[in-house]
């Protein structure tokens, strides 16, 4: 999964996803629904209240990578 540059591409290129759109699209492909992503984001925010949005998104991306990897292994 590639998350690098999605903010840049959304700003300067047409029809490219934002961070949130990219996360939700990848989550959908691997069988994670929107409510689960929102819950992940809330858990991160609760445990790290001063965390910046980019780091929260990066952590969600890491969580999705782990979920995807676990599905491949099992």
Protein backbone atom coordinates (compact mmCIF):
# COMPACT_ATOMS: atom_id res chain seq x y z
CA UNK A 1 0.00 0.00 0.00
CA UNK A 2 1.32 3.39 -0.91
CA UNK A 3 0.31 6.45 1.09
CA UNK A 4 3.21 8.75 0.28
CA UNK A 5 2.25 11.97 -1.49
CA UNK A 6 -1.52 11.69 -1.46
CA UNK A 7 -1.87 15.21 -0.03
CA UNK A 8 0.41 16.63 -2.68
CA UNK A 9 -1.35 14.84 -5.50
CA UNK A 10 -4.80 15.95 -4.28
CA UNK A 11 -3.69 19.55 -4.22
CA UNK A 12 -1.95 19.66 -7.60
CA UNK A 13 -3.42 16.87 -9.72
CA UNK A 14 -7.01 16.23 -10.79
CA UNK A 15 -8.97 13.20 -9.63
CA UNK A 16 -6.42 11.95 -7.12
CA UNK A 17 -7.59 10.91 -3.65
CA UNK A 18 -7.01 12.80 -0.42
CA UNK A 19 -5.53 10.93 2.56
CA UNK A 20 -9.00 10.11 3.89
CA UNK A 21 -10.28 9.00 0.48
CA UNK A 22 -7.21 6.83 -0.03
CA UNK A 23 -7.56 5.25 3.40
CA UNK A 24 -11.29 4.55 2.92
CA UNK A 25 -10.71 3.13 -0.59
CA UNK A 26 -7.95 0.78 0.52
CA UNK A 27 -9.90 -0.22 3.61
CA UNK A 28 -12.91 -1.13 1.46
CA UNK A 29 -10.76 -3.33 -0.79
CA UNK A 30 -9.41 -5.31 2.18
CA UNK A 31 -12.80 -5.64 3.87
CA UNK A 32 -12.57 -2.91 6.52
CA UNK A 33 -15.65 -0.71 6.70
CA UNK A 34 -15.93 3.03 7.29
CA UNK A 35 -17.07 2.57 10.91
CA UNK A 36 -13.95 0.54 11.66
CA UNK A 37 -11.72 3.26 10.21
CA UNK A 38 -13.52 5.92 12.25
CA UNK A 39 -13.07 3.77 15.37
CA UNK A 40 -9.34 3.36 14.60
CA UNK A 41 -8.97 7.11 14.18
CA UNK A 42 -10.83 7.77 17.45
CA UNK A 43 -8.68 5.26 19.35
CA UNK A 44 -5.52 6.92 18.08
CA UNK A 45 -6.85 10.39 18.91
CA UNK A 46 -7.89 9.24 22.40
CA UNK A 47 -4.47 7.77 23.15
CA UNK A 48 -2.52 10.65 21.53
CA UNK A 49 -4.70 13.77 21.80
CA UNK A 50 -2.07 16.15 20.44
CA UNK A 51 -1.10 13.97 17.45
CA UNK A 52 -1.17 15.72 14.09
CA UNK A 53 -3.49 14.49 11.35
CA UNK A 54 -0.68 13.23 9.12
CA UNK A 55 0.66 10.95 11.83
CA UNK A 56 -2.83 9.70 12.64
CA UNK A 57 -3.35 8.83 8.97
CA UNK A 58 0.06 7.15 8.84
CA UNK A 59 -0.85 5.03 11.87
CA UNK A 60 -4.17 4.05 10.28
CA UNK A 61 -2.22 3.11 7.16
CA UNK A 62 0.05 0.91 9.27
CA UNK A 63 -2.99 -0.71 10.86
CA UNK A 64 -4.47 -1.42 7.42
CA UNK A 65 -1.17 -2.89 6.27
CA UNK A 66 -1.19 -5.25 9.26
CA UNK A 67 -4.80 -6.28 8.56
CA UNK A 68 -3.96 -6.92 4.92
CA UNK A 69 -0.84 -8.91 5.81
CA UNK A 70 -2.78 -11.00 8.36
CA UNK A 71 -5.41 -11.83 5.71
CA UNK A 72 -2.73 -12.99 3.29
CA UNK A 73 -1.04 -15.17 5.91
CA UNK A 74 -4.23 -16.86 7.15
